[in-house]
Amino acid sequence: MSEDYKDIITEYKEQVRVLKEQISELEDANKSKDAALKRALQKLEYTTSDLEKAHDEINAKKDSDKL
């Protein structure tokens, strides 16, 4: 009977180890996604800024052409 318990405990320990490994992999994947999202957001912010500048320049050109 004691041997059965040892087998069960060993199996549980293995399952815990596997689950910890899976958690670690998921955390790493989440960090990678966060970094990619930050890069995409930064690129979007730069593009938006450039678009606003271009829009302001176009409006300024239109205003100067009216005069």
PDB file of N, CA and C in Angstrom:
ATOM      1  N   MET A   1       0.820  -1.195   0.000  1.00  0.00           N
ATOM      2  CA  MET A   1       0.000   0.000   0.000  1.00  0.00           C
ATOM      3  C   MET A   1       0.860   1.254   0.000  1.00  0.00           C
ATOM      4  N   SER A   2       1.911   1.251   0.730  1.00  0.00           N
ATOM      5  CA  SER A   2       2.807   2.398   0.808  1.00  0.00           C
ATOM      6  C   SER A   2       3.434   2.700  -0.548  1.00  0.00           C
ATOM      7  N   GLU A   3       3.703   1.657  -1.308  1.00  0.00           N
ATOM      8  CA  GLU A   3       4.294   1.830  -2.638  1.00  0.00           C
ATOM      9  C   GLU A   3       3.317   2.547  -3.569  1.00  0.00           C
ATOM     10  N   ASP A   4       2.038   2.253  -3.431  1.00  0.00           N
ATOM     11  CA  ASP A   4       1.008   2.928  -4.233  1.00  0.00           C
ATOM     12  C   ASP A   4       0.994   4.427  -3.938  1.00  0.00           C
ATOM     13  N   TYR A   5       1.098   4.772  -2.672  1.00  0.00           N
ATOM     14  CA  TYR A   5       1.106   6.182  -2.297  1.00  0.00           C
ATOM     15  C   TYR A   5       2.338   6.882  -2.849  1.00  0.00           C
ATOM     16  N   LYS A   6       3.450   6.202  -2.816  1.00  0.00           N
ATOM     17  CA  LYS A   6       4.680   6.790  -3.353  1.00  0.00           C
ATOM     18  C   LYS A   6       4.536   7.039  -4.851  1.00  0.00           C
ATOM     19  N   ASP A   7       3.907   6.109  -5.548  1.00  0.00           N
ATOM     20  CA  ASP A   7       3.677   6.281  -6.985  1.00  0.00           C
ATOM     21  C   ASP A   7       2.744   7.465  -7.253  1.00  0.00           C
ATOM     22  N   ILE A   8       1.717   7.578  -6.447  1.00  0.00           N
ATOM     23  CA  ILE A   8       0.765   8.676  -6.611  1.00  0.00           C
ATOM     24  C   ILE A   8       1.457  10.011  -6.353  1.00  0.00           C
ATOM     25  N   ILE A   9       2.229  10.072  -5.293  1.00  0.00           N
ATOM     26  CA  ILE A   9       2.946  11.301  -4.947  1.00  0.00           C
ATOM     27  C   ILE A   9       3.941  11.657  -6.053  1.00  0.00           C
ATOM     28  N   THR A  10       4.645  10.669  -6.551  1.00  0.00           N
ATOM     29  CA  THR A  10       5.598  10.903  -7.638  1.00  0.00           C
ATOM     30  C   THR A  10       4.875  11.441  -8.876  1.00  0.00           C
ATOM     31  N   GLU A  11       3.730  10.865  -9.190  1.00  0.00           N
ATOM     32  CA  GLU A  11       2.945  11.319 -10.345  1.00  0.00           C
ATOM     33  C   GLU A  11       2.464  12.758 -10.142  1.00  0.00           C
ATOM     34  N   TYR A  12       1.995  13.085  -8.958  1.00  0.00           N
ATOM     35  CA  TYR A  12       1.552  14.450  -8.667  1.00  0.00           C
ATOM     36  C   TYR A  12       2.710  15.437  -8.786  1.00  0.00           C
ATOM     37  N   LYS A  13       3.864  15.046  -8.286  1.00  0.00           N
ATOM     38  CA  LYS A  13       5.038  15.917  -8.381  1.00  0.00           C
ATOM     39  C   LYS A  13       5.399  16.181  -9.840  1.00  0.00           C
ATOM     40  N   GLU A  14       5.301  15.155 -10.659  1.00  0.00           N
ATOM     41  CA  GLU A  14       5.588  15.301 -12.086  1.00  0.00           C
ATOM     42  C   GLU A  14       4.564  16.233 -12.734  1.00  0.00           C
ATOM     43  N   GLN A  15       3.297  16.075 -12.365  1.00  0.00           N
ATOM     44  CA  GLN A  15       2.255  16.941 -12.918  1.00  0.00           C
ATOM     45  C   GLN A  15       2.474  18.397 -12.505  1.00  0.00           C
ATOM     46  N   VAL A  16       2.868  18.615 -11.269  1.00  0.00           N
ATOM     47  CA  VAL A  16       3.154  19.964 -10.790  1.00  0.00           C
ATOM     48  C   VAL A  16       4.326  20.561 -11.566  1.00  0.00           C
ATOM     49  N   ARG A  17       5.351  19.769 -11.799  1.00  0.00           N
ATOM     50  CA  ARG A  17       6.508  20.240 -12.548  1.00  0.00           C
ATOM     51  C   ARG A  17       6.104  20.636 -13.964  1.00  0.00           C
ATOM     52  N   VAL A  18       5.302  19.806 -14.605  1.00  0.00           N
ATOM     53  CA  VAL A  18       4.843  20.089 -15.966  1.00  0.00           C
ATOM     54  C   VAL A  18       4.000  21.362 -15.984  1.00  0.00           C
ATOM     55  N   LEU A  19       3.101  21.506 -15.027  1.00  0.00           N
ATOM     56  CA  LEU A  19       2.255  22.697 -14.965  1.00  0.00           C
ATOM     57  C   LEU A  19       3.082  23.964 -14.729  1.00  0.00           C
ATOM     58  N   LYS A  20       4.084  23.882 -13.878  1.00  0.00           N
ATOM     59  CA  LYS A  20       4.961  25.035 -13.657  1.00  0.00           C
ATOM     60  C   LYS A  20       5.705  25.406 -14.935  1.00  0.00           C
ATOM     61  N   GLU A  21       6.121  24.409 -15.675  1.00  0.00           N
ATOM     62  CA  GLU A  21       6.802  24.648 -16.948  1.00  0.00           C
ATOM     63  C   GLU A  21       5.849  25.314 -17.938  1.00  0.00           C
ATOM     64  N   GLN A  22       4.618  24.855 -17.985  1.00  0.00           N
ATOM     65  CA  GLN A  22       3.629  25.445 -18.890  1.00  0.00           C
ATOM     66  C   GLN A  22       3.321  26.886 -18.495  1.00  0.00           C
ATOM     67  N   ILE A  23       3.241  27.152 -17.215  1.00  0.00           N
ATOM     68  CA  ILE A  23       3.007  28.511 -16.737  1.00  0.00           C
ATOM     69  C   ILE A  23       4.151  29.412 -17.179  1.00  0.00           C
ATOM     70  N   SER A  24       5.359  28.929 -17.027  1.00  0.00           N
ATOM     71  CA  SER A  24       6.528  29.705 -17.429  1.00  0.00           C
ATOM     72  C   SER A  24       6.500  30.019 -18.925  1.00  0.00           C
ATOM     73  N   GLU A  25       6.140  29.023 -19.734  1.00  0.00           N
ATOM     74  CA  GLU A  25       6.053  29.235 -21.177  1.00  0.00           C
ATOM     75  C   GLU A  25       4.977  30.262 -21.519  1.00  0.00           C
ATOM     76  N   LEU A  26       3.840  30.179 -20.845  1.00  0.00           N
ATOM     77  CA  LEU A  26       2.758  31.137 -21.087  1.00  0.00           C
ATOM     78  C   LEU A  26       3.155  32.549 -20.674  1.00  0.00           C
ATOM     79  N   GLU A  27       3.869  32.656 -19.562  1.00  0.00           N
ATOM     80  CA  GLU A  27       4.329  33.972 -19.113  1.00  0.00           C
ATOM     81  C   GLU A  27       5.312  34.571 -20.120  1.00  0.00           C
ATOM     82  N   ASP A  28       6.214  33.738 -20.645  1.00  0.00           N
ATOM     83  CA  ASP A  28       7.163  34.207 -21.651  1.00  0.00           C
ATOM     84  C   ASP A  28       6.444  34.663 -22.914  1.00  0.00           C
ATOM     85  N   ALA A  29       5.458  33.892 -23.342  1.00  0.00           N
ATOM     86  CA  ALA A  29       4.691  34.256 -24.533  1.00  0.00           C
ATOM     87  C   ALA A  29       3.938  35.565 -24.301  1.00  0.00           C
ATOM     88  N   ASN A  30       3.415  35.730 -23.104  1.00  0.00           N
ATOM     89  CA  ASN A  30       2.692  36.960 -22.770  1.00  0.00           C
ATOM     90  C   ASN A  30       3.628  38.162 -22.804  1.00  0.00           C
ATOM     91  N   LYS A  31       4.833  38.001 -22.298  1.00  0.00           N
ATOM     92  CA  LYS A  31       5.814  39.090 -22.332  1.00  0.00           C
ATOM     93  C   LYS A  31       6.161  39.458 -23.768  1.00  0.00           C
ATOM     94  N   SER A  32       6.308  38.467 -24.623  1.00  0.00           N
ATOM     95  CA  SER A  32       6.609  38.723 -26.031  1.00  0.00           C
ATOM     96  C   SER A  32       5.471  39.482 -26.701  1.00  0.00           C
ATOM     97  N   LYS A  33       4.241  39.071 -26.405  1.00  0.00           N
ATOM     98  CA  LYS A  33       3.088  39.765 -26.981  1.00  0.00           C
ATOM     99  C   LYS A  33       3.007  41.192 -26.469  1.00  0.00           C
ATOM    100  N   ASP A  34       3.271  41.394 -25.200  1.00  0.00           N
ATOM    101  CA  ASP A  34       3.253  42.751 -24.643  1.00  0.00           C
ATOM    102  C   ASP A  34       4.271  43.638 -25.346  1.00  0.00           C
ATOM    103  N   ALA A  35       5.455  43.108 -25.565  1.00  0.00           N
ATOM    104  CA  ALA A  35       6.500  43.879 -26.236  1.00  0.00           C
ATOM    105  C   ALA A  35       6.086  44.211 -27.672  1.00  0.00           C
ATOM    106  N   ALA A  36       5.495  43.250 -28.358  1.00  0.00           N
ATOM    107  CA  ALA A  36       5.043  43.485 -29.734  1.00  0.00           C
ATOM    108  C   ALA A  36       3.931  44.533 -29.762  1.00  0.00           C
ATOM    109  N   LEU A  37       3.029  44.468 -28.807  1.00  0.00           N
ATOM    110  CA  LEU A  37       1.952  45.456 -28.742  1.00  0.00           C
ATOM    111  C   LEU A  37       2.496  46.853 -28.458  1.00  0.00           C
ATOM    112  N   LYS A  38       3.487  46.942 -27.598  1.00  0.00           N
ATOM    113  CA  LYS A  38       4.097  48.244 -27.305  1.00  0.00           C
ATOM    114  C   LYS A  38       4.757  48.819 -28.547  1.00  0.00           C
ATOM    115  N   ARG A  39       5.451  47.969 -29.307  1.00  0.00           N
ATOM    116  CA  ARG A  39       6.086  48.439 -30.541  1.00  0.00           C
ATOM    117  C   ARG A  39       5.033  48.902 -31.546  1.00  0.00           C
ATOM    118  N   ALA A  40       3.957  48.148 -31.670  1.00  0.00           N
ATOM    119  CA  ALA A  40       2.892  48.513 -32.605  1.00  0.00           C
ATOM    120  C   ALA A  40       2.221  49.822 -32.189  1.00  0.00           C
ATOM    121  N   LEU A  41       1.990  49.984 -30.912  1.00  0.00           N
ATOM    122  CA  LEU A  41       1.381  51.213 -30.411  1.00  0.00           C
ATOM    123  C   LEU A  41       2.292  52.407 -30.661  1.00  0.00           C
ATOM    124  N   GLN A  42       3.582  52.232 -30.416  1.00  0.00           N
ATOM    125  CA  GLN A  42       4.527  53.314 -30.655  1.00  0.00           C
ATOM    126  C   GLN A  42       4.553  53.695 -32.141  1.00  0.00           C
ATOM    127  N   LYS A  43       4.536  52.698 -33.002  1.00  0.00           N
ATOM    128  CA  LYS A  43       4.521  52.959 -34.438  1.00  0.00           C
ATOM    129  C   LYS A  43       3.245  53.707 -34.821  1.00  0.00           C
ATOM    130  N   LEU A  44       2.116  53.306 -34.251  1.00  0.00           N
ATOM    131  CA  LEU A  44       0.853  53.975 -34.508  1.00  0.00           C
ATOM    132  C   LEU A  44       0.908  55.429 -34.040  1.00  0.00           C
ATOM    133  N   GLU A  45       1.489  55.662 -32.881  1.00  0.00           N
ATOM    134  CA  GLU A  45       1.603  57.031 -32.367  1.00  0.00           C
ATOM    135  C   GLU A  45       2.468  57.888 -33.287  1.00  0.00           C
ATOM    136  N   TYR A  46       3.579  57.344 -33.768  1.00  0.00           N
ATOM    137  CA  TYR A  46       4.439  58.089 -34.689  1.00  0.00           C
ATOM    138  C   TYR A  46       3.716  58.382 -35.999  1.00  0.00           C
ATOM    139  N   THR A  47       2.996  57.398 -36.509  1.00  0.00           N
ATOM    140  CA  THR A  47       2.262  57.572 -37.764  1.00  0.00           C
ATOM    141  C   THR A  47       1.166  58.626 -37.597  1.00  0.00           C
ATOM    142  N   THR A  48       0.469  58.580 -36.473  1.00  0.00           N
ATOM    143  CA  THR A  48      -0.576  59.564 -36.195  1.00  0.00           C
ATOM    144  C   THR A  48       0.021  60.960 -36.109  1.00  0.00           C
ATOM    145  N   SER A  49       1.148  61.070 -35.450  1.00  0.00           N
ATOM    146  CA  SER A  49       1.823  62.362 -35.334  1.00  0.00           C
ATOM    147  C   SER A  49       2.235  62.887 -36.711  1.00  0.00           C
ATOM    148  N   ASP A  50       2.803  62.017 -37.527  1.00  0.00           N
ATOM    149  CA  ASP A  50       3.207  62.424 -38.880  1.00  0.00           C
ATOM    150  C   ASP A  50       1.994  62.846 -39.700  1.00  0.00           C
ATOM    151  N   LEU A  51       0.894  62.118 -39.564  1.00  0.00           N
ATOM    152  CA  LEU A  51      -0.327  62.442 -40.296  1.00  0.00           C
ATOM    153  C   LEU A  51      -0.867  63.807 -39.859  1.00  0.00           C
ATOM    154  N   GLU A  52      -0.848  64.068 -38.571  1.00  0.00           N
ATOM    155  CA  GLU A  52      -1.319  65.362 -38.068  1.00  0.00           C
ATOM    156  C   GLU A  52      -0.445  66.503 -38.592  1.00  0.00           C
ATOM    157  N   LYS A  53       0.862  66.292 -38.607  1.00  0.00           N
ATOM    158  CA  LYS A  53       1.770  67.314 -39.137  1.00  0.00           C
ATOM    159  C   LYS A  53       1.496  67.566 -40.610  1.00  0.00           C
ATOM    160  N   ALA A  54       1.310  66.497 -41.374  1.00  0.00           N
ATOM    161  CA  ALA A  54       1.025  66.644 -42.801  1.00  0.00           C
ATOM    162  C   ALA A  54      -0.304  67.368 -43.007  1.00  0.00           C
ATOM    163  N   HIS A  55      -1.288  67.042 -42.206  1.00  0.00           N
ATOM    164  CA  HIS A  55      -2.595  67.693 -42.295  1.00  0.00           C
ATOM    165  C   HIS A  55      -2.464  69.179 -41.989  1.00  0.00           C
ATOM    166  N   ASP A  56      -1.703  69.524 -40.962  1.00  0.00           N
ATOM    167  CA  ASP A  56      -1.490  70.934 -40.614  1.00  0.00           C
ATOM    168  C   ASP A  56      -0.767  71.665 -41.738  1.00  0.00           C
ATOM    169  N   GLU A  57       0.216  71.024 -42.345  1.00  0.00           N
ATOM    170  CA  GLU A  57       0.946  71.650 -43.451  1.00  0.00           C
ATOM    171  C   GLU A  57       0.026  71.885 -44.650  1.00  0.00           C
ATOM    172  N   ILE A  58      -0.828  70.919 -44.940  1.00  0.00           N
ATOM    173  CA  ILE A  58      -1.781  71.067 -46.052  1.00  0.00           C
ATOM    174  C   ILE A  58      -2.730  72.227 -45.777  1.00  0.00           C
ATOM    175  N   ASN A  59      -3.240  72.292 -44.547  1.00  0.00           N
ATOM    176  CA  ASN A  59      -4.148  73.384 -44.189  1.00  0.00           C
ATOM    177  C   ASN A  59      -3.435  74.724 -44.255  1.00  0.00           C
ATOM    178  N   ALA A  60      -2.203  74.790 -43.810  1.00  0.00           N
ATOM    179  CA  ALA A  60      -1.438  76.022 -43.865  1.00  0.00           C
ATOM    180  C   ALA A  60      -1.220  76.437 -45.324  1.00  0.00           C
ATOM    181  N   LYS A  61      -0.920  75.484 -46.176  1.00  0.00           N
ATOM    182  CA  LYS A  61      -0.724  75.752 -47.605  1.00  0.00           C
ATOM    183  C   LYS A  61      -2.011  76.277 -48.221  1.00  0.00           C
ATOM    184  N   LYS A  62      -3.154  75.662 -47.875  1.00  0.00           N
ATOM    185  CA  LYS A  62      -4.443  76.116 -48.400  1.00  0.00           C
ATOM    186  C   LYS A  62      -4.736  77.538 -47.943  1.00  0.00           C
ATOM    187  N   ASP A  63      -4.460  77.809 -46.664  1.00  0.00           N
ATOM    188  CA  ASP A  63      -4.690  79.158 -46.132  1.00  0.00           C
ATOM    189  C   ASP A  63      -3.812  80.189 -46.814  1.00  0.00           C
ATOM    190  N   SER A  64      -2.557  79.837 -47.058  1.00  0.00           N
ATOM    191  CA  SER A  64      -1.647  80.798 -47.708  1.00  0.00           C
ATOM    192  C   SER A  64      -2.023  80.997 -49.175  1.00  0.00           C
ATOM    193  N   ASP A  65      -2.602  79.984 -49.803  1.00  0.00           N
ATOM    194  CA  ASP A  65      -3.030  80.105 -51.200  1.00  0.00           C
ATOM    195  C   ASP A  65      -4.267  80.999 -51.308  1.00  0.00           C
ATOM    196  N   LYS A  66      -5.083  81.038 -50.278  1.00  0.00           N
ATOM    197  CA  LYS A  66      -6.285  81.885 -50.282  1.00  0.00           C
ATOM    198  C   LYS A  66      -5.923  83.358 -50.259  1.00  0.00           C
ATOM    199  N   LEU A  67      -4.769  83.667 -49.670  1.00  0.00           N
ATOM    200  CA  LEU A  67      -4.357  85.080 -49.561  1.00  0.00           C
ATOM    201  C   LEU A  67      -3.747  85.526 -50.815  1.00  0.00           C
TER     202      LEU A  67
END
